[in-house]
Every structure is written in C-alpha cells, then in structure tokens.
C-alpha cells in the first residue's frame, strides 16, 4: 500500500469525521486493499470488498465525500478487520 493510501485510511478513521476526503482517494484505497469499483447508472458506484458490496453516489458538484459516506466506509472496512494500525505497509 502506498503512503497516499495509508494517509487516506488514517483520515477515514479520524474523529470527528472529516468532510475533506476526496471520494476518488477512497476509491483508490479500496482498490489498493484488493477491492473493486464498479460503475452504475449516473453517479452511482459499487464498492466490492471481501464478498460484500456498498453502494454510493459520487458527490457532485464537489469532489469530497460526505461525512455519512466516510462513516459508512469506516464501518464497512472495520467489519472486515481493516484499521490503520493493522494494514500492511
């Protein structure tokens, strides 16, 4: 995992939840962790990781993920045992 992905992962787990994480950085993190991103209709995307899926809409006109999206991704990754301290370098 690249340093940029580690920074994104650390940002996902910050409290209070940040509203400044770029959605594209979250997508890149999921891919770096071994997941997949599938395009849907319009701005809809599907994150797949370890046999589970989460559905999101890409934010527009801005590029930053909404706080609720960050919280959903955080909880989803936590259920799969992904945390900043447990990820390999």
PDB file of N, CA and C in Angstrom:
ATOM      1  N   UNK A   1       0.852  -1.175   0.000  1.00  0.00           N
ATOM      2  CA  UNK A   1       0.000   0.000   0.000  1.00  0.00           C
ATOM      3  C   UNK A   1       0.895   1.234   0.000  1.00  0.00           C
ATOM      4  N   UNK A   2       0.560   2.173  -0.836  1.00  0.00           N
ATOM      5  CA  UNK A   2       1.333   3.406  -0.944  1.00  0.00           C
ATOM      6  C   UNK A   2       1.035   4.337   0.240  1.00  0.00           C
ATOM      7  N   UNK A   3       1.942   5.279   0.445  1.00  0.00           N
ATOM      8  CA  UNK A   3       1.789   6.235   1.537  1.00  0.00           C
ATOM      9  C   UNK A   3       0.484   7.030   1.410  1.00  0.00           C
ATOM     10  N   UNK A   4       0.102   7.362   0.182  1.00  0.00           N
ATOM     11  CA  UNK A   4      -1.143   8.109  -0.036  1.00  0.00           C
ATOM     12  C   UNK A   4      -2.354   7.305   0.444  1.00  0.00           C
ATOM     13  N   UNK A   5      -2.339   5.996   0.190  1.00  0.00           N
ATOM     14  CA  UNK A   5      -3.444   5.150   0.633  1.00  0.00           C
ATOM     15  C   UNK A   5      -3.473   5.053   2.157  1.00  0.00           C
ATOM     16  N   UNK A   6      -2.291   4.972   2.785  1.00  0.00           N
ATOM     17  CA  UNK A   6      -2.239   4.930   4.247  1.00  0.00           C
ATOM     18  C   UNK A   6      -2.788   6.219   4.845  1.00  0.00           C
ATOM     19  N   UNK A   7      -2.470   7.357   4.229  1.00  0.00           N
ATOM     20  CA  UNK A   7      -2.985   8.640   4.710  1.00  0.00           C
ATOM     21  C   UNK A   7      -4.504   8.709   4.583  1.00  0.00           C
ATOM     22  N   UNK A   8      -5.015   8.190   3.482  1.00  0.00           N
ATOM     23  CA  UNK A   8      -6.473   8.168   3.299  1.00  0.00           C
ATOM     24  C   UNK A   8      -7.119   7.277   4.351  1.00  0.00           C
ATOM     25  N   UNK A   9      -6.517   6.119   4.609  1.00  0.00           N
ATOM     26  CA  UNK A   9      -7.057   5.198   5.616  1.00  0.00           C
ATOM     27  C   UNK A   9      -7.044   5.848   6.995  1.00  0.00           C
ATOM     28  N   UNK A  10      -5.958   6.519   7.337  1.00  0.00           N
ATOM     29  CA  UNK A  10      -5.882   7.215   8.621  1.00  0.00           C
ATOM     30  C   UNK A  10      -6.946   8.307   8.709  1.00  0.00           C
ATOM     31  N   UNK A  11      -7.152   9.033   7.620  1.00  0.00           N
ATOM     32  CA  UNK A  11      -8.160  10.096   7.601  1.00  0.00           C
ATOM     33  C   UNK A  11      -9.570   9.527   7.783  1.00  0.00           C
ATOM     34  N   UNK A  12      -9.826   8.350   7.216  1.00  0.00           N
ATOM     35  CA  UNK A  12     -11.140   7.716   7.358  1.00  0.00           C
ATOM     36  C   UNK A  12     -11.474   7.418   8.817  1.00  0.00           C
ATOM     37  N   UNK A  13     -10.448   7.131   9.611  1.00  0.00           N
ATOM     38  CA  UNK A  13     -10.670   6.726  10.997  1.00  0.00           C
ATOM     39  C   UNK A  13     -10.516   7.874  11.992  1.00  0.00           C
ATOM     40  N   UNK A  14     -10.320   9.103  11.515  1.00  0.00           N
ATOM     41  CA  UNK A  14     -10.216  10.247  12.411  1.00  0.00           C
ATOM     42  C   UNK A  14     -11.574  10.573  13.008  1.00  0.00           C
ATOM     43  N   UNK A  15     -11.533  11.068  14.236  1.00  0.00           N
ATOM     44  CA  UNK A  15     -12.733  11.568  14.898  1.00  0.00           C
ATOM     45  C   UNK A  15     -12.463  13.006  15.282  1.00  0.00           C
ATOM     46  N   UNK A  16     -13.340  13.947  15.075  1.00  0.00           N
ATOM     47  CA  UNK A  16     -14.615  13.819  14.389  1.00  0.00           C
ATOM     48  C   UNK A  16     -14.419  13.522  12.903  1.00  0.00           C
ATOM     49  N   UNK A  17     -15.442  12.990  12.312  1.00  0.00           N
ATOM     50  CA  UNK A  17     -15.386  12.570  10.915  1.00  0.00           C
ATOM     51  C   UNK A  17     -15.077  13.752  10.002  1.00  0.00           C
ATOM     52  N   UNK A  18     -13.995  13.639   9.218  1.00  0.00           N
ATOM     53  CA  UNK A  18     -13.645  14.738   8.312  1.00  0.00           C
ATOM     54  C   UNK A  18     -14.555  14.782   7.084  1.00  0.00           C
ATOM     55  N   UNK A  19     -14.728  15.979   6.567  1.00  0.00           N
ATOM     56  CA  UNK A  19     -15.533  16.160   5.352  1.00  0.00           C
ATOM     57  C   UNK A  19     -14.640  16.595   4.201  1.00  0.00           C
ATOM     58  N   UNK A  20     -13.337  16.343   4.318  1.00  0.00           N
ATOM     59  CA  UNK A  20     -12.394  16.832   3.314  1.00  0.00           C
ATOM     60  C   UNK A  20     -11.681  15.711   2.563  1.00  0.00           C
ATOM     61  N   UNK A  21     -12.174  14.480   2.669  1.00  0.00           N
ATOM     62  CA  UNK A  21     -11.541  13.355   1.973  1.00  0.00           C
ATOM     63  C   UNK A  21     -12.126  13.268   0.570  1.00  0.00           C
ATOM     64  N   UNK A  22     -11.258  13.272  -0.417  1.00  0.00           N
ATOM     65  CA  UNK A  22     -11.734  13.165  -1.800  1.00  0.00           C
ATOM     66  C   UNK A  22     -12.306  11.768  -2.027  1.00  0.00           C
ATOM     67  N   UNK A  23     -13.439  11.717  -2.695  1.00  0.00           N
ATOM     68  CA  UNK A  23     -14.093  10.439  -2.976  1.00  0.00           C
ATOM     69  C   UNK A  23     -13.188   9.553  -3.831  1.00  0.00           C
ATOM     70  N   UNK A  24     -12.448  10.157  -4.756  1.00  0.00           N
ATOM     71  CA  UNK A  24     -11.543   9.383  -5.612  1.00  0.00           C
ATOM     72  C   UNK A  24     -10.417   8.745  -4.800  1.00  0.00           C
ATOM     73  N   UNK A  25     -10.013   9.388  -3.702  1.00  0.00           N
ATOM     74  CA  UNK A  25      -8.993   8.800  -2.827  1.00  0.00           C
ATOM     75  C   UNK A  25      -9.540   7.564  -2.114  1.00  0.00           C
ATOM     76  N   UNK A  26     -10.804   7.609  -1.737  1.00  0.00           N
ATOM     77  CA  UNK A  26     -11.437   6.443  -1.103  1.00  0.00           C
ATOM     78  C   UNK A  26     -11.521   5.294  -2.112  1.00  0.00           C
ATOM     79  N   UNK A  27     -11.893   5.614  -3.354  1.00  0.00           N
ATOM     80  CA  UNK A  27     -11.936   4.583  -4.395  1.00  0.00           C
ATOM     81  C   UNK A  27     -10.560   3.953  -4.596  1.00  0.00           C
ATOM     82  N   UNK A  28      -9.514   4.773  -4.641  1.00  0.00           N
ATOM     83  CA  UNK A  28      -8.150   4.262  -4.821  1.00  0.00           C
ATOM     84  C   UNK A  28      -7.738   3.383  -3.643  1.00  0.00           C
ATOM     85  N   UNK A  29      -8.160   3.741  -2.436  1.00  0.00           N
ATOM     86  CA  UNK A  29      -7.861   2.933  -1.249  1.00  0.00           C
ATOM     87  C   UNK A  29      -8.514   1.561  -1.343  1.00  0.00           C
ATOM     88  N   UNK A  30      -9.773   1.521  -1.731  1.00  0.00           N
ATOM     89  CA  UNK A  30     -10.478   0.243  -1.856  1.00  0.00           C
ATOM     90  C   UNK A  30      -9.761  -0.658  -2.853  1.00  0.00           C
ATOM     91  N   UNK A  31      -9.334  -0.111  -3.962  1.00  0.00           N
ATOM     92  CA  UNK A  31      -8.606  -0.891  -4.975  1.00  0.00           C
ATOM     93  C   UNK A  31      -7.272  -1.363  -4.409  1.00  0.00           C
ATOM     94  N   UNK A  32      -6.570  -0.500  -3.669  1.00  0.00           N
ATOM     95  CA  UNK A  32      -5.278  -0.866  -3.079  1.00  0.00           C
ATOM     96  C   UNK A  32      -5.423  -1.985  -2.050  1.00  0.00           C
ATOM     97  N   UNK A  33      -6.577  -2.046  -1.393  1.00  0.00           N
ATOM     98  CA  UNK A  33      -6.826  -3.098  -0.406  1.00  0.00           C
ATOM     99  C   UNK A  33      -7.249  -4.412  -1.057  1.00  0.00           C
ATOM    100  N   UNK A  34      -7.434  -4.401  -2.369  1.00  0.00           N
ATOM    101  CA  UNK A  34      -7.819  -5.607  -3.077  1.00  0.00           C
ATOM    102  C   UNK A  34      -9.277  -5.650  -3.475  1.00  0.00           C
ATOM    103  N   UNK A  35      -9.984  -4.549  -3.283  1.00  0.00           N
ATOM    104  CA  UNK A  35     -11.389  -4.485  -3.655  1.00  0.00           C
ATOM    105  C   UNK A  35     -11.558  -4.053  -5.099  1.00  0.00           C
ATOM    106  N   UNK A  36     -12.807  -3.896  -5.490  1.00  0.00           N
ATOM    107  CA  UNK A  36     -13.135  -3.475  -6.847  1.00  0.00           C
ATOM    108  C   UNK A  36     -14.149  -2.343  -6.803  1.00  0.00           C
ATOM    109  N   UNK A  37     -14.130  -1.544  -7.857  1.00  0.00           N
ATOM    110  CA  UNK A  37     -15.095  -0.468  -8.027  1.00  0.00           C
ATOM    111  C   UNK A  37     -15.836  -0.725  -9.335  1.00  0.00           C
ATOM    112  N   UNK A  38     -17.164  -0.758  -9.275  1.00  0.00           N
ATOM    113  CA  UNK A  38     -17.970  -0.926 -10.486  1.00  0.00           C
ATOM    114  C   UNK A  38     -18.822   0.317 -10.680  1.00  0.00           C
ATOM    115  N   UNK A  39     -18.934   0.726 -11.930  1.00  0.00           N
ATOM    116  CA  UNK A  39     -19.750   1.883 -12.284  1.00  0.00           C
ATOM    117  C   UNK A  39     -21.205   1.448 -12.404  1.00  0.00           C
ATOM    118  N   UNK A  40     -22.096   2.326 -11.960  1.00  0.00           N
ATOM    119  CA  UNK A  40     -23.517   2.076 -12.106  1.00  0.00           C
ATOM    120  C   UNK A  40     -24.141   3.141 -12.978  1.00  0.00           C
ATOM    121  N   UNK A  41     -25.428   3.326 -12.815  1.00  0.00           N
ATOM    122  CA  UNK A  41     -26.141   4.355 -13.558  1.00  0.00           C
ATOM    123  C   UNK A  41     -25.799   5.731 -12.999  1.00  0.00           C
ATOM    124  N   UNK A  42     -25.561   6.682 -13.862  1.00  0.00           N
ATOM    125  CA  UNK A  42     -25.287   8.050 -13.432  1.00  0.00           C
ATOM    126  C   UNK A  42     -24.044   8.132 -12.564  1.00  0.00           C
ATOM    127  N   UNK A  43     -24.216   8.673 -11.361  1.00  0.00           N
ATOM    128  CA  UNK A  43     -23.079   8.835 -10.463  1.00  0.00           C
ATOM    129  C   UNK A  43     -22.947   7.682  -9.464  1.00  0.00           C
ATOM    130  N   UNK A  44     -23.717   6.633  -9.655  1.00  0.00           N
ATOM    131  CA  UNK A  44     -23.717   5.503  -8.722  1.00  0.00           C
ATOM    132  C   UNK A  44     -22.490   4.615  -8.940  1.00  0.00           C
ATOM    133  N   UNK A  45     -21.876   4.191  -7.823  1.00  0.00           N
ATOM    134  CA  UNK A  45     -20.743   3.274  -7.875  1.00  0.00           C
ATOM    135  C   UNK A  45     -20.948   2.191  -6.821  1.00  0.00           C
ATOM    136  N   UNK A  46     -20.365   1.033  -7.088  1.00  0.00           N
ATOM    137  CA  UNK A  46     -20.435  -0.089  -6.164  1.00  0.00           C
ATOM    138  C   UNK A  46     -19.017  -0.395  -5.707  1.00  0.00           C
ATOM    139  N   UNK A  47     -18.811  -0.413  -4.387  1.00  0.00           N
ATOM    140  CA  UNK A  47     -17.540  -0.835  -3.817  1.00  0.00           C
ATOM    141  C   UNK A  47     -17.698  -2.307  -3.441  1.00  0.00           C
ATOM    142  N   UNK A  48     -16.806  -3.153  -3.915  1.00  0.00           N
ATOM    143  CA  UNK A  48     -16.812  -4.574  -3.558  1.00  0.00           C
ATOM    144  C   UNK A  48     -15.535  -4.891  -2.808  1.00  0.00           C
ATOM    145  N   UNK A  49     -15.682  -5.591  -1.686  1.00  0.00           N
ATOM    146  CA  UNK A  49     -14.519  -5.963  -0.882  1.00  0.00           C
ATOM    147  C   UNK A  49     -14.861  -7.204  -0.066  1.00  0.00           C
ATOM    148  N   UNK A  50     -14.044  -8.226  -0.190  1.00  0.00           N
ATOM    149  CA  UNK A  50     -14.224  -9.481   0.558  1.00  0.00           C
ATOM    150  C   UNK A  50     -15.641 -10.044   0.450  1.00  0.00           C
ATOM    151  N   UNK A  51     -16.193 -10.008  -0.736  1.00  0.00           N
ATOM    152  CA  UNK A  51     -17.502 -10.611  -0.962  1.00  0.00           C
ATOM    153  C   UNK A  51     -18.694  -9.776  -0.543  1.00  0.00           C
ATOM    154  N   UNK A  52     -18.480  -8.545  -0.114  1.00  0.00           N
ATOM    155  CA  UNK A  52     -19.595  -7.675   0.249  1.00  0.00           C
ATOM    156  C   UNK A  52     -19.562  -6.418  -0.611  1.00  0.00           C
ATOM    157  N   UNK A  53     -20.694  -5.755  -0.690  1.00  0.00           N
ATOM    158  CA  UNK A  53     -20.816  -4.557  -1.523  1.00  0.00           C
ATOM    159  C   UNK A  53     -21.390  -3.408  -0.713  1.00  0.00           C
ATOM    160  N   UNK A  54     -20.981  -2.224  -1.067  1.00  0.00           N
ATOM    161  CA  UNK A  54     -21.580  -0.982  -0.569  1.00  0.00           C
ATOM    162  C   UNK A  54     -21.858  -0.114  -1.784  1.00  0.00           C
ATOM    163  N   UNK A  55     -22.985   0.571  -1.757  1.00  0.00           N
ATOM    164  CA  UNK A  55     -23.415   1.389  -2.890  1.00  0.00           C
ATOM    165  C   UNK A  55     -23.355   2.862  -2.505  1.00  0.00           C
ATOM    166  N   UNK A  56     -22.778   3.671  -3.390  1.00  0.00           N
ATOM    167  CA  UNK A  56     -22.641   5.096  -3.141  1.00  0.00           C
ATOM    168  C   UNK A  56     -22.963   5.880  -4.400  1.00  0.00           C
ATOM    169  N   UNK A  57     -23.205   7.168  -4.207  1.00  0.00           N
ATOM    170  CA  UNK A  57     -23.293   8.119  -5.307  1.00  0.00           C
ATOM    171  C   UNK A  57     -22.081   9.019  -5.192  1.00  0.00           C
ATOM    172  N   UNK A  58     -21.372   9.204  -6.314  1.00  0.00           N
ATOM    173  CA  UNK A  58     -20.242  10.129  -6.302  1.00  0.00           C
ATOM    174  C   UNK A  58     -20.778  11.530  -6.017  1.00  0.00           C
ATOM    175  N   UNK A  59     -20.100  12.234  -5.141  1.00  0.00           N
ATOM    176  CA  UNK A  59     -20.570  13.590  -4.838  1.00  0.00           C
ATOM    177  C   UNK A  59     -20.377  14.520  -6.041  1.00  0.00           C
ATOM    178  N   UNK A  60     -21.315  15.400  -6.232  1.00  0.00           N
ATOM    179  CA  UNK A  60     -21.189  16.408  -7.273  1.00  0.00           C
ATOM    180  C   UNK A  60     -22.011  17.608  -6.852  1.00  0.00           C
ATOM    181  N   UNK A  61     -21.616  18.803  -7.098  1.00  0.00           N
ATOM    182  CA  UNK A  61     -20.513  19.196  -7.952  1.00  0.00           C
ATOM    183  C   UNK A  61     -19.147  19.093  -7.262  1.00  0.00           C
ATOM    184  N   UNK A  62     -19.099  18.928  -5.931  1.00  0.00           N
ATOM    185  CA  UNK A  62     -17.823  18.840  -5.226  1.00  0.00           C
ATOM    186  C   UNK A  62     -17.158  17.493  -5.422  1.00  0.00           C
ATOM    187  N   UNK A  63     -15.939  17.365  -4.906  1.00  0.00           N
ATOM    188  CA  UNK A  63     -15.181  16.123  -5.040  1.00  0.00           C
ATOM    189  C   UNK A  63     -15.033  15.392  -3.712  1.00  0.00           C
ATOM    190  N   UNK A  64     -15.376  16.048  -2.607  1.00  0.00           N
ATOM    191  CA  UNK A  64     -15.185  15.469  -1.293  1.00  0.00           C
ATOM    192  C   UNK A  64     -16.357  14.566  -0.916  1.00  0.00           C
ATOM    193  N   UNK A  65     -16.019  13.463  -0.255  1.00  0.00           N
ATOM    194  CA  UNK A  65     -17.038  12.539   0.226  1.00  0.00           C
ATOM    195  C   UNK A  65     -17.801  13.201   1.372  1.00  0.00           C
ATOM    196  N   UNK A  66     -19.070  12.919   1.461  1.00  0.00           N
ATOM    197  CA  UNK A  66     -19.891  13.435   2.548  1.00  0.00           C
ATOM    198  C   UNK A  66     -19.506  12.700   3.839  1.00  0.00           C
ATOM    199  N   UNK A  67     -19.778  13.338   4.973  1.00  0.00           N
ATOM    200  CA  UNK A  67     -19.422  12.725   6.252  1.00  0.00           C
ATOM    201  C   UNK A  67     -20.094  11.362   6.425  1.00  0.00           C
ATOM    202  N   UNK A  68     -21.345  11.251   6.047  1.00  0.00           N
ATOM    203  CA  UNK A  68     -22.038   9.976   6.216  1.00  0.00           C
ATOM    204  C   UNK A  68     -21.405   8.890   5.350  1.00  0.00           C
ATOM    205  N   UNK A  69     -20.881   9.251   4.179  1.00  0.00           N
ATOM    206  CA  UNK A  69     -20.209   8.275   3.329  1.00  0.00           C
ATOM    207  C   UNK A  69     -18.918   7.792   3.979  1.00  0.00           C
ATOM    208  N   UNK A  70     -18.174   8.719   4.570  1.00  0.00           N
ATOM    209  CA  UNK A  70     -16.936   8.357   5.266  1.00  0.00           C
ATOM    210  C   UNK A  70     -17.253   7.403   6.421  1.00  0.00           C
ATOM    211  N   UNK A  71     -18.304   7.683   7.161  1.00  0.00           N
ATOM    212  CA  UNK A  71     -18.685   6.830   8.291  1.00  0.00           C
ATOM    213  C   UNK A  71     -19.108   5.439   7.833  1.00  0.00           C
ATOM    214  N   UNK A  72     -19.815   5.359   6.711  1.00  0.00           N
ATOM    215  CA  UNK A  72     -20.223   4.061   6.175  1.00  0.00           C
ATOM    216  C   UNK A  72     -19.006   3.260   5.738  1.00  0.00           C
ATOM    217  N   UNK A  73     -18.075   3.894   5.036  1.00  0.00           N
ATOM    218  CA  UNK A  73     -16.860   3.204   4.581  1.00  0.00           C
ATOM    219  C   UNK A  73     -16.051   2.740   5.796  1.00  0.00           C
ATOM    220  N   UNK A  74     -15.926   3.595   6.811  1.00  0.00           N
ATOM    221  CA  UNK A  74     -15.190   3.240   8.025  1.00  0.00           C
ATOM    222  C   UNK A  74     -15.794   1.994   8.676  1.00  0.00           C
ATOM    223  N   UNK A  75     -17.105   1.996   8.861  1.00  0.00           N
ATOM    224  CA  UNK A  75     -17.767   0.855   9.489  1.00  0.00           C
ATOM    225  C   UNK A  75     -17.629  -0.401   8.633  1.00  0.00           C
ATOM    226  N   UNK A  76     -17.762  -0.256   7.328  1.00  0.00           N
ATOM    227  CA  UNK A  76     -17.664  -1.387   6.405  1.00  0.00           C
ATOM    228  C   UNK A  76     -16.277  -2.000   6.446  1.00  0.00           C
ATOM    229  N   UNK A  77     -15.236  -1.151   6.412  1.00  0.00           N
ATOM    230  CA  UNK A  77     -13.868  -1.671   6.473  1.00  0.00           C
ATOM    231  C   UNK A  77     -13.573  -2.299   7.832  1.00  0.00           C
ATOM    232  N   UNK A  78     -14.134  -1.727   8.897  1.00  0.00           N
ATOM    233  CA  UNK A  78     -13.926  -2.272  10.237  1.00  0.00           C
ATOM    234  C   UNK A  78     -14.498  -3.680  10.351  1.00  0.00           C
ATOM    235  N   UNK A  79     -15.638  -3.930   9.717  1.00  0.00           N
ATOM    236  CA  UNK A  79     -16.224  -5.274   9.766  1.00  0.00           C
ATOM    237  C   UNK A  79     -15.333  -6.313   9.090  1.00  0.00           C
ATOM    238  N   UNK A  80     -14.444  -5.852   8.211  1.00  0.00           N
ATOM    239  CA  UNK A  80     -13.507  -6.749   7.529  1.00  0.00           C
ATOM    240  C   UNK A  80     -12.125  -6.740   8.184  1.00  0.00           C
ATOM    241  N   UNK A  81     -12.007  -6.094   9.341  1.00  0.00           N
ATOM    242  CA  UNK A  81     -10.757  -6.078  10.068  1.00  0.00           C
ATOM    243  C   UNK A  81      -9.728  -5.094   9.559  1.00  0.00           C
ATOM    244  N   UNK A  82     -10.132  -4.139   8.738  1.00  0.00           N
ATOM    245  CA  UNK A  82      -9.195  -3.142   8.212  1.00  0.00           C
ATOM    246  C   UNK A  82      -9.193  -1.940   9.133  1.00  0.00           C
ATOM    247  N   UNK A  83      -8.024  -1.631   9.674  1.00  0.00           N
ATOM    248  CA  UNK A  83      -7.826  -0.461  10.519  1.00  0.00           C
ATOM    249  C   UNK A  83      -6.461   0.108  10.187  1.00  0.00           C
ATOM    250  N   UNK A  84      -6.225   1.380  10.492  1.00  0.00           N
ATOM    251  CA  UNK A  84      -4.919   1.975  10.145  1.00  0.00           C
ATOM    252  C   UNK A  84      -3.735   1.215  10.751  1.00  0.00           C
ATOM    253  N   UNK A  85      -3.857   0.719  11.960  1.00  0.00           N
ATOM    254  CA  UNK A  85      -2.729   0.054  12.609  1.00  0.00           C
ATOM    255  C   UNK A  85      -2.532  -1.398  12.165  1.00  0.00           C
ATOM    256  N   UNK A  86      -3.550  -1.994  11.523  1.00  0.00           N
ATOM    257  CA  UNK A  86      -3.451  -3.400  11.155  1.00  0.00           C
ATOM    258  C   UNK A  86      -3.173  -3.634   9.684  1.00  0.00           C
ATOM    259  N   UNK A  87      -3.064  -2.560   8.902  1.00  0.00           N
ATOM    260  CA  UNK A  87      -2.818  -2.735   7.482  1.00  0.00           C
ATOM    261  C   UNK A  87      -1.332  -2.895   7.206  1.00  0.00           C
ATOM    262  N   UNK A  88      -0.951  -3.736   6.273  1.00  0.00           N
ATOM    263  CA  UNK A  88       0.468  -3.922   5.975  1.00  0.00           C
ATOM    264  C   UNK A  88       1.070  -2.705   5.290  1.00  0.00           C
ATOM    265  N   UNK A  89       2.364  -2.448   5.477  1.00  0.00           N
ATOM    266  CA  UNK A  89       2.995  -1.288   4.837  1.00  0.00           C
ATOM    267  C   UNK A  89       3.122  -1.448   3.348  1.00  0.00           C
TER     268      UNK A  89
END
